[in-house]
C-alpha atoms as a PDB file:
ATOM      1  CA  UNK A   1     -73.817-116.056 -18.594  1.00  0.00           C
ATOM      2  CA  UNK A   2     -71.724-113.532 -16.560  1.00  0.00           C
ATOM      3  CA  UNK A   3     -70.271-110.182 -17.480  1.00  0.00           C
ATOM      4  CA  UNK A   4     -66.537-110.226 -18.202  1.00  0.00           C
ATOM      5  CA  UNK A   5     -65.969-107.802 -15.326  1.00  0.00           C
ATOM      6  CA  UNK A   6     -67.849-109.795 -12.797  1.00  0.00           C
ATOM      7  CA  UNK A   7     -66.211-112.264 -10.544  1.00  0.00           C
ATOM      8  CA  UNK A   8     -67.728-115.536  -9.522  1.00  0.00           C
ATOM      9  CA  UNK A   9     -68.232-114.114  -6.062  1.00  0.00           C
ATOM     10  CA  UNK A  10     -70.537-111.472  -7.478  1.00  0.00           C
ATOM     11  CA  UNK A  11     -73.152-114.021  -8.561  1.00  0.00           C
ATOM     12  CA  UNK A  12     -76.257-113.613  -6.433  1.00  0.00           C
ATOM     13  CA  UNK A  13     -77.612-116.528  -4.590  1.00  0.00           C
ATOM     14  CA  UNK A  14     -80.618-117.675  -6.549  1.00  0.00           C
ATOM     15  CA  UNK A  15     -83.178-120.367  -6.297  1.00  0.00           C
ATOM     16  CA  UNK A  16     -82.149-123.375  -8.318  1.00  0.00           C
ATOM     17  CA  UNK A  17     -85.093-122.786 -10.614  1.00  0.00           C
ATOM     18  CA  UNK A  18     -84.441-119.090 -11.127  1.00  0.00           C
ATOM     19  CA  UNK A  19     -81.856-117.333 -13.268  1.00  0.00           C
ATOM     20  CA  UNK A  20     -80.942-113.619 -13.452  1.00  0.00           C
ATOM     21  CA  UNK A  21     -82.452-113.447 -16.876  1.00  0.00           C
ATOM     22  CA  UNK A  22     -85.887-114.018 -15.348  1.00  0.00           C
ATOM     23  CA  UNK A  23     -85.783-110.620 -13.700  1.00  0.00           C
ATOM     24  CA  UNK A  24     -85.652-108.063 -16.526  1.00  0.00           C
ATOM     25  CA  UNK A  25     -85.290-105.178 -14.131  1.00  0.00           C
ATOM     26  CA  UNK A  26     -81.863-106.260 -12.732  1.00  0.00           C
ATOM     27  CA  UNK A  27     -78.685-105.535 -14.561  1.00  0.00           C
ATOM     28  CA  UNK A  28     -75.783-107.974 -14.780  1.00  0.00           C
ATOM     29  CA  UNK A  29     -73.868-105.976 -12.161  1.00  0.00           C
ATOM     30  CA  UNK A  30     -76.725-105.715  -9.661  1.00  0.00           C
ATOM     31  CA  UNK A  31     -76.986-107.869  -6.609  1.00  0.00           C
ATOM     32  CA  UNK A  32     -80.199-109.259  -5.276  1.00  0.00           C
ATOM     33  CA  UNK A  33     -80.130-106.713  -2.512  1.00  0.00           C
ATOM     34  CA  UNK A  34     -80.497-103.983  -5.136  1.00  0.00           C
ATOM     35  CA  UNK A  35     -83.966-105.243  -6.007  1.00  0.00           C
ATOM     36  CA  UNK A  36     -86.665-102.665  -5.499  1.00  0.00           C
ATOM     37  CA  UNK A  37     -88.576-102.831  -2.225  1.00  0.00           C
ATOM     38  CA  UNK A  38     -92.229-103.744  -2.830  1.00  0.00           C
ATOM     39  CA  UNK A  39     -94.895-102.647  -0.367  1.00  0.00           C
ATOM     40  CA  UNK A  40     -96.717-105.603   1.192  1.00  0.00           C
ATOM     41  CA  UNK A  41    -100.039-103.904   0.609  1.00  0.00           C
ATOM     42  CA  UNK A  42     -99.603-103.809  -3.165  1.00  0.00           C
ATOM     43  CA  UNK A  43    -101.716-106.256  -5.100  1.00  0.00           C
ATOM     44  CA  UNK A  44     -99.665-108.704  -7.191  1.00  0.00           C
ATOM     45  CA  UNK A  45    -101.672-107.609 -10.185  1.00  0.00           C
ATOM     46  CA  UNK A  46    -100.291-104.036  -9.968  1.00  0.00           C
ATOM     47  CA  UNK A  47     -96.773-105.083 -10.950  1.00  0.00           C
ATOM     48  CA  UNK A  48     -96.769-107.878 -13.480  1.00  0.00           C
ATOM     49  CA  UNK A  49     -92.988-107.396 -14.020  1.00  0.00           C
ATOM     50  CA  UNK A  50     -91.947-108.459 -10.544  1.00  0.00           C
ATOM     51  CA  UNK A  51     -89.496-111.262 -10.606  1.00  0.00           C
ATOM     52  CA  UNK A  52     -90.108-114.538  -8.919  1.00  0.00           C
ATOM     53  CA  UNK A  53     -87.270-113.620  -6.579  1.00  0.00           C
ATOM     54  CA  UNK A  54     -89.108-110.583  -5.235  1.00  0.00           C
ATOM     55  CA  UNK A  55     -92.281-112.597  -4.807  1.00  0.00           C
ATOM     56  CA  UNK A  56     -90.410-114.860  -2.456  1.00  0.00           C
ATOM     57  CA  UNK A  57     -89.709-112.029  -0.031  1.00  0.00           C
ATOM     58  CA  UNK A  58     -93.201-110.474  -0.247  1.00  0.00           C
ATOM     59  CA  UNK A  59     -95.834-111.406   2.309  1.00  0.00           C
ATOM     60  CA  UNK A  60     -99.166-112.519   0.914  1.00  0.00           C
ATOM     61  CA  UNK A  61    -101.767-109.803   1.256  1.00  0.00           C
ATOM     62  CA  UNK A  62    -105.443-109.353   0.641  1.00  0.00           C
ATOM     63  CA  UNK A  63    -107.220-106.491  -0.935  1.00  0.00           C
ATOM     64  CA  UNK A  64    -109.361-104.436   1.462  1.00  0.00           C
ATOM     65  CA  UNK A  65    -112.423-105.481  -0.433  1.00  0.00           C
ATOM     66  CA  UNK A  66    -111.636-109.143  -0.021  1.00  0.00           C
ATOM     67  CA  UNK A  67    -113.683-109.609   3.159  1.00  0.00           C
ATOM     68  CA  UNK A  68    -113.213-113.009   4.764  1.00  0.00           C
ATOM     69  CA  UNK A  69    -115.968-115.449   4.129  1.00  0.00           C
ATOM     70  CA  UNK A  70    -117.187-116.649   7.498  1.00  0.00           C
ATOM     71  CA  UNK A  71    -118.640-120.005   8.072  1.00  0.00           C
ATOM     72  CA  UNK A  72    -122.391-119.860   8.816  1.00  0.00           C
ATOM     73  CA  UNK A  73    -121.686-121.694  12.058  1.00  0.00           C
ATOM     74  CA  UNK A  74    -119.561-118.725  13.261  1.00  0.00           C
ATOM     75  CA  UNK A  75    -122.436-116.228  13.019  1.00  0.00           C
ATOM     76  CA  UNK A  76    -124.476-116.534  16.232  1.00  0.00           C
ATOM     77  CA  UNK A  77    -127.535-114.767  14.881  1.00  0.00           C
ATOM     78  CA  UNK A  78    -127.964-117.277  12.058  1.00  0.00           C
ATOM     79  CA  UNK A  79    -128.820-120.053  14.454  1.00  0.00           C
ATOM     80  CA  UNK A  80    -131.581-119.379  17.029  1.00  0.00           C
ATOM     81  CA  UNK A  81    -130.328-122.219  19.157  1.00  0.00           C
ATOM     82  CA  UNK A  82    -127.036-120.392  19.936  1.00  0.00           C
ATOM     83  CA  UNK A  83    -128.789-117.651  21.929  1.00  0.00           C
ATOM     84  CA  UNK A  84    -132.447-118.464  22.590  1.00  0.00           C
ATOM     85  CA  UNK A  85    -132.890-115.375  24.771  1.00  0.00           C
ATOM     86  CA  UNK A  86    -132.483-113.097  21.738  1.00  0.00           C
ATOM     87  CA  UNK A  87    -135.418-114.580  19.905  1.00  0.00           C
ATOM     88  CA  UNK A  88    -137.843-116.205  22.380  1.00  0.00           C
ATOM     89  CA  UNK A  89    -140.611-116.381  19.809  1.00  0.00           C
ATOM     90  CA  UNK A  90    -138.710-118.794  17.553  1.00  0.00           C
ATOM     91  CA  UNK A  91    -139.634-121.715  19.758  1.00  0.00           C
ATOM     92  CA  UNK A  92    -142.615-121.639  22.158  1.00  0.00           C
ATOM     93  CA  UNK A  93    -140.911-124.166  24.418  1.00  0.00           C
ATOM     94  CA  UNK A  94    -138.073-121.720  25.166  1.00  0.00           C
ATOM     95  CA  UNK A  95    -140.356-119.502  27.254  1.00  0.00           C
ATOM     96  CA  UNK A  96    -143.648-121.218  28.109  1.00  0.00           C
ATOM     97  CA  UNK A  97    -144.698-118.373  30.373  1.00  0.00           C
ATOM     98  CA  UNK A  98    -145.028-116.014  27.399  1.00  0.00           C
ATOM     99  CA  UNK A  99    -148.016-117.915  26.062  1.00  0.00           C
ATOM    100  CA  UNK A 100    -149.923-119.717  28.829  1.00  0.00           C
ATOM    101  CA  UNK A 101    -152.558-120.909  26.380  1.00  0.00           C
ATOM    102  CA  UNK A 102    -150.096-123.339  24.796  1.00  0.00           C
ATOM    103  CA  UNK A 103    -150.542-125.719  27.691  1.00  0.00           C
ATOM    104  CA  UNK A 104    -153.788-125.976  29.700  1.00  0.00           C
ATOM    105  CA  UNK A 105    -151.761-127.113  32.712  1.00  0.00           C
ATOM    106  CA  UNK A 106    -150.043-123.733  32.966  1.00  0.00           C
ATOM    107  CA  UNK A 107    -153.198-122.062  34.329  1.00  0.00           C
ATOM    108  CA  UNK A 108    -155.109-124.700  36.310  1.00  0.00           C
ATOM    109  CA  UNK A 109    -156.845-122.088  38.469  1.00  0.00           C
ATOM    110  CA  UNK A 110    -158.772-120.581  35.546  1.00  0.00           C
ATOM    111  CA  UNK A 111    -161.028-123.566  34.983  1.00  0.00           C
ATOM    112  CA  UNK A 112    -163.055-123.724  38.235  1.00  0.00           C
ATOM    113  CA  UNK A 113    -164.225-120.136  37.940  1.00  0.00           C
ATOM    114  CA  UNK A 114    -165.730-120.712  34.493  1.00  0.00           C
ATOM    115  CA  UNK A 115    -168.406-123.139  35.727  1.00  0.00           C
ATOM    116  CA  UNK A 116    -170.931-121.878  38.298  1.00  0.00           C
ATOM    117  CA  UNK A 117    -171.629-124.184  41.187  1.00  0.00           C
ATOM    118  CA  UNK A 118    -175.398-123.822  40.685  1.00  0.00           C
ATOM    119  CA  UNK A 119    -176.884-124.161  37.236  1.00  0.00           C
ATOM    120  CA  UNK A 120    -179.213-121.250  36.346  1.00  0.00           C
ATOM    121  CA  UNK A 121    -181.570-123.747  34.694  1.00  0.00           C
ATOM    122  CA  UNK A 122    -181.988-125.786  37.871  1.00  0.00           C
ATOM    123  CA  UNK A 123    -185.694-125.893  38.724  1.00  0.00           C
ATOM    124  CA  UNK A 124    -186.807-124.370  42.019  1.00  0.00           C
ATOM    125  CA  UNK A 125    -187.955-126.477  44.921  1.00  0.00           C
ATOM    126  CA  UNK A 126    -191.606-127.538  44.637  1.00  0.00           C
ATOM    127  CA  UNK A 127    -193.649-128.161  47.752  1.00  0.00           C
ATOM    128  CA  UNK A 128    -197.113-129.639  48.092  1.00  0.00           C
ATOM    129  CA  UNK A 129    -199.515-127.863  50.409  1.00  0.00           C
ATOM    130  CA  UNK A 130    -202.767-129.088  51.955  1.00  0.00           C
ATOM    131  CA  UNK A 131    -205.049-126.653  53.749  1.00  0.00           C
ATOM    132  CA  UNK A 132    -208.626-126.472  54.982  1.00  0.00           C
ATOM    133  CA  UNK A 133    -210.617-123.274  55.274  1.00  0.00           C
ATOM    134  CA  UNK A 134    -213.895-123.372  57.162  1.00  0.00           C
ATOM    135  CA  UNK A 135    -216.585-120.711  57.633  1.00  0.00           C
ATOM    136  CA  UNK A 136    -216.567-119.331  54.077  1.00  0.00           C
ATOM    137  CA  UNK A 137    -219.753-117.306  53.496  1.00  0.00           C
ATOM    138  CA  UNK A 138    -221.292-116.206  50.190  1.00  0.00           C
ATOM    139  CA  UNK A 139    -224.547-114.301  49.617  1.00  0.00           C
ATOM    140  CA  UNK A 140    -226.596-115.587  46.646  1.00  0.00           C
ATOM    141  CA  UNK A 141    -229.088-113.018  45.321  1.00  0.00           C
ATOM    142  CA  UNK A 142    -232.322-113.997  43.565  1.00  0.00           C
ATOM    143  CA  UNK A 143    -232.930-117.261  45.451  1.00  0.00           C
ATOM    144  CA  UNK A 144    -233.844-118.020  49.061  1.00  0.00           C
ATOM    145  CA  UNK A 145    -233.479-121.793  49.147  1.00  0.00           C
ATOM    146  CA  UNK A 146    -231.420-124.644  47.774  1.00  0.00           C
ATOM    147  CA  UNK A 147    -232.555-128.233  47.307  1.00  0.00           C
ATOM    148  CA  UNK A 148    -230.325-131.303  47.642  1.00  0.00           C
ATOM    149  CA  UNK A 149    -229.503-131.420  43.937  1.00  0.00           C
ATOM    150  CA  UNK A 150    -228.631-127.743  43.946  1.00  0.00           C
ATOM    151  CA  UNK A 151    -226.412-128.281  46.997  1.00  0.00           C
ATOM    152  CA  UNK A 152    -224.570-131.048  45.134  1.00  0.00           C
ATOM    153  CA  UNK A 153    -224.151-128.840  42.062  1.00  0.00           C
ATOM    154  CA  UNK A 154    -223.007-125.936  44.172  1.00  0.00           C
ATOM    155  CA  UNK A 155    -220.269-128.028  45.817  1.00  0.00           C
ATOM    156  CA  UNK A 156    -219.183-129.630  42.531  1.00  0.00           C
ATOM    157  CA  UNK A 157    -219.202-126.455  40.397  1.00  0.00           C
ATOM    158  CA  UNK A 158    -217.532-124.282  43.037  1.00  0.00           C
ATOM    159  CA  UNK A 159    -214.666-126.805  43.447  1.00  0.00           C
ATOM    160  CA  UNK A 160    -214.142-126.893  39.665  1.00  0.00           C
ATOM    161  CA  UNK A 161    -214.150-123.093  39.494  1.00  0.00           C
ATOM    162  CA  UNK A 162    -211.403-122.934  42.129  1.00  0.00           C
ATOM    163  CA  UNK A 163    -209.242-125.327  40.085  1.00  0.00           C
ATOM    164  CA  UNK A 164    -209.830-123.416  36.850  1.00  0.00           C
ATOM    165  CA  UNK A 165    -209.057-120.077  38.440  1.00  0.00           C
ATOM    166  CA  UNK A 166    -205.709-121.075  39.959  1.00  0.00           C
ATOM    167  CA  UNK A 167    -204.496-123.495  37.271  1.00  0.00           C
ATOM    168  CA  UNK A 168    -205.621-121.787  34.059  1.00  0.00           C
ATOM    169  CA  UNK A 169    -206.954-118.302  34.633  1.00  0.00           C
ATOM    170  CA  UNK A 170    -204.324-116.684  36.832  1.00  0.00           C
ATOM    171  CA  UNK A 171    -200.963-116.110  35.190  1.00  0.00           C
ATOM    172  CA  UNK A 172    -198.954-117.253  38.183  1.00  0.00           C
ATOM    173  CA  UNK A 173    -196.532-120.154  38.059  1.00  0.00           C
ATOM    174  CA  UNK A 174    -196.110-120.159  41.838  1.00  0.00           C
ATOM    175  CA  UNK A 175    -199.292-122.196  42.321  1.00  0.00           C
ATOM    176  CA  UNK A 176    -200.343-125.112  40.137  1.00  0.00           C
ATOM    177  CA  UNK A 177    -202.065-128.466  40.409  1.00  0.00           C
ATOM    178  CA  UNK A 178    -204.760-126.864  42.526  1.00  0.00           C
ATOM    179  CA  UNK A 179    -207.610-129.109  43.716  1.00  0.00           C
ATOM    180  CA  UNK A 180    -210.512-128.161  45.978  1.00  0.00           C
ATOM    181  CA  UNK A 181    -213.336-130.029  47.673  1.00  0.00           C
ATOM    182  CA  UNK A 182    -216.234-127.808  48.745  1.00  0.00           C
ATOM    183  CA  UNK A 183    -218.733-128.801  51.428  1.00  0.00           C
ATOM    184  CA  UNK A 184    -221.866-126.778  52.295  1.00  0.00           C
ATOM    185  CA  UNK A 185    -222.238-126.525  56.053  1.00  0.00           C
ATOM    186  CA  UNK A 186    -225.137-124.035  56.437  1.00  0.00           C
ATOM    187  CA  UNK A 187    -227.847-122.148  54.511  1.00  0.00           C
ATOM    188  CA  UNK A 188    -229.735-119.084  55.756  1.00  0.00           C
ATOM    189  CA  UNK A 189    -232.429-117.326  53.722  1.00  0.00           C
ATOM    190  CA  UNK A 190    -233.718-113.777  54.181  1.00  0.00           C
ATOM    191  CA  UNK A 191    -235.712-111.473  51.870  1.00  0.00           C
ATOM    192  CA  UNK A 192    -234.888-113.133  48.552  1.00  0.00           C
ATOM    193  CA  UNK A 193    -231.272-113.923  49.350  1.00  0.00           C
ATOM    194  CA  UNK A 194    -229.527-117.039  50.513  1.00  0.00           C
ATOM    195  CA  UNK A 195    -226.456-116.937  52.705  1.00  0.00           C
ATOM    196  CA  UNK A 196    -224.438-120.075  52.113  1.00  0.00           C
ATOM    197  CA  UNK A 197    -221.669-121.188  54.474  1.00  0.00           C
ATOM    198  CA  UNK A 198    -219.219-123.771  53.224  1.00  0.00           C
ATOM    199  CA  UNK A 199    -215.714-125.118  53.805  1.00  0.00           C
ATOM    200  CA  UNK A 200    -212.979-125.784  51.292  1.00  0.00           C
ATOM    201  CA  UNK A 201    -210.310-128.433  51.532  1.00  0.00           C
ATOM    202  CA  UNK A 202    -207.516-127.659  49.068  1.00  0.00           C
ATOM    203  CA  UNK A 203    -204.317-129.249  47.855  1.00  0.00           C
ATOM    204  CA  UNK A 204    -201.827-127.549  45.548  1.00  0.00           C
ATOM    205  CA  UNK A 205    -198.190-127.378  44.512  1.00  0.00           C
ATOM    206  CA  UNK A 206    -196.191-124.221  45.013  1.00  0.00           C
ATOM    207  CA  UNK A 207    -192.713-122.809  44.645  1.00  0.00           C
ATOM    208  CA  UNK A 208    -193.476-120.007  47.117  1.00  0.00           C
ATOM    209  CA  UNK A 209    -194.080-121.064  50.696  1.00  0.00           C
ATOM    210  CA  UNK A 210    -194.993-117.484  51.582  1.00  0.00           C
ATOM    211  CA  UNK A 211    -198.361-117.692  49.826  1.00  0.00           C
ATOM    212  CA  UNK A 212    -201.318-117.430  52.225  1.00  0.00           C
ATOM    213  CA  UNK A 213    -203.836-120.151  51.462  1.00  0.00           C
ATOM    214  CA  UNK A 214    -206.691-117.874  52.617  1.00  0.00           C
ATOM    215  CA  UNK A 215    -205.908-115.609  49.676  1.00  0.00           C
ATOM    216  CA  UNK A 216    -206.333-118.611  47.410  1.00  0.00           C
ATOM    217  CA  UNK A 217    -209.827-119.070  48.853  1.00  0.00           C
ATOM    218  CA  UNK A 218    -210.972-115.447  48.569  1.00  0.00           C
ATOM    219  CA  UNK A 219    -209.272-114.178  45.379  1.00  0.00           C
ATOM    220  CA  UNK A 220    -211.506-116.013  42.838  1.00  0.00           C
ATOM    221  CA  UNK A 221    -214.508-114.012  44.051  1.00  0.00           C
ATOM    222  CA  UNK A 222    -212.963-110.561  44.503  1.00  0.00           C
ATOM    223  CA  UNK A 223    -213.677-109.071  41.051  1.00  0.00           C
ATOM    224  CA  UNK A 224    -217.273-108.595  39.822  1.00  0.00           C
ATOM    225  CA  UNK A 225    -216.384-109.969  36.381  1.00  0.00           C
ATOM    226  CA  UNK A 226    -214.974-113.125  37.945  1.00  0.00           C
ATOM    227  CA  UNK A 227    -218.136-113.669  39.993  1.00  0.00           C
ATOM    228  CA  UNK A 228    -220.338-113.178  36.892  1.00  0.00           C
ATOM    229  CA  UNK A 229    -218.256-115.722  35.014  1.00  0.00           C
ATOM    230  CA  UNK A 230    -218.623-118.140  37.972  1.00  0.00           C
ATOM    231  CA  UNK A 231    -222.417-117.874  37.924  1.00  0.00           C
ATOM    232  CA  UNK A 232    -222.845-118.172  34.150  1.00  0.00           C
ATOM    233  CA  UNK A 233    -220.202-120.733  33.307  1.00  0.00           C
ATOM    234  CA  UNK A 234    -220.487-122.976  36.365  1.00  0.00           C
ATOM    235  CA  UNK A 235    -223.566-122.657  38.579  1.00  0.00           C
ATOM    236  CA  UNK A 236    -226.004-122.253  35.695  1.00  0.00           C
ATOM    237  CA  UNK A 237    -224.138-124.440  33.194  1.00  0.00           C
ATOM    238  CA  UNK A 238    -226.361-127.508  33.777  1.00  0.00           C
ATOM    239  CA  UNK A 239    -229.693-125.671  34.044  1.00  0.00           C
ATOM    240  CA  UNK A 240    -229.572-125.211  37.801  1.00  0.00           C
ATOM    241  CA  UNK A 241    -229.971-121.916  39.649  1.00  0.00           C
ATOM    242  CA  UNK A 242    -232.054-120.336  36.888  1.00  0.00           C
ATOM    243  CA  UNK A 243    -233.308-117.599  39.199  1.00  0.00           C
ATOM    244  CA  UNK A 244    -229.873-116.764  40.571  1.00  0.00           C
ATOM    245  CA  UNK A 245    -228.967-113.192  39.723  1.00  0.00           C
ATOM    246  CA  UNK A 246    -225.520-112.741  41.261  1.00  0.00           C
ATOM    247  CA  UNK A 247    -223.263-113.726  44.139  1.00  0.00           C
ATOM    248  CA  UNK A 248    -221.242-111.607  46.534  1.00  0.00           C
ATOM    249  CA  UNK A 249    -217.615-111.817  47.385  1.00  0.00           C
ATOM    250  CA  UNK A 250    -216.773-114.311  50.084  1.00  0.00           C
ATOM    251  CA  UNK A 251    -215.922-113.572  53.676  1.00  0.00           C
ATOM    252  CA  UNK A 252    -213.827-115.803  55.885  1.00  0.00           C
ATOM    253  CA  UNK A 253    -214.668-116.430  59.480  1.00  0.00           C
ATOM    254  CA  UNK A 254    -212.145-117.714  61.956  1.00  0.00           C
ATOM    255  CA  UNK A 255    -211.637-121.432  61.548  1.00  0.00           C
END
């Protein structure tokens, strides 16, 4: 309804669904332009009495605390695939050079240096040596002669002593498989002694080609204890040479 003093031209232009009575703050003589100006930043909840007409002219606003909810796809840090350089450790395939152990083909030059070209367990070269030493002389004290049987025993027992000395007695792996054949070539007697001259043909295996075979002939008779063992354990083992007291070291003449 209109005031009696109002003219039809004074009726404000309203939405078809709105009437002046819906705005309790406007008087019958007020025009829509007299409506209070509402700040766009005000929350609609601060003024529950605003008319629907004023809400039509107000821009929609958000409270400062109403932060926009972003889609997870808009945040680059949430997906490591958007910027792989920021997090290279998320996927080892992004930077294969950071961890060369992931692929054995990344460092092919490391393998050859790990295996030596020569195995440390490879056995040394073994050579077989054959030598003959003539003119070996030994003085036998306590006897001045030697019969045929004693000559045979002397040759046999002296050859066996050579083999025992080099294969079992001496702690030396450079010579092994030693064999010797002894042959008496001369006997000279004088004042209760017998000077025996013999030759030795030897064959042996060695890993040291620098060994002098003449040392192999002389060394078994260098020490007194070795000579005593030779007399007791070999020459007199079968009841021969009962009167033999001792033997001298051997001397080598030029062959």
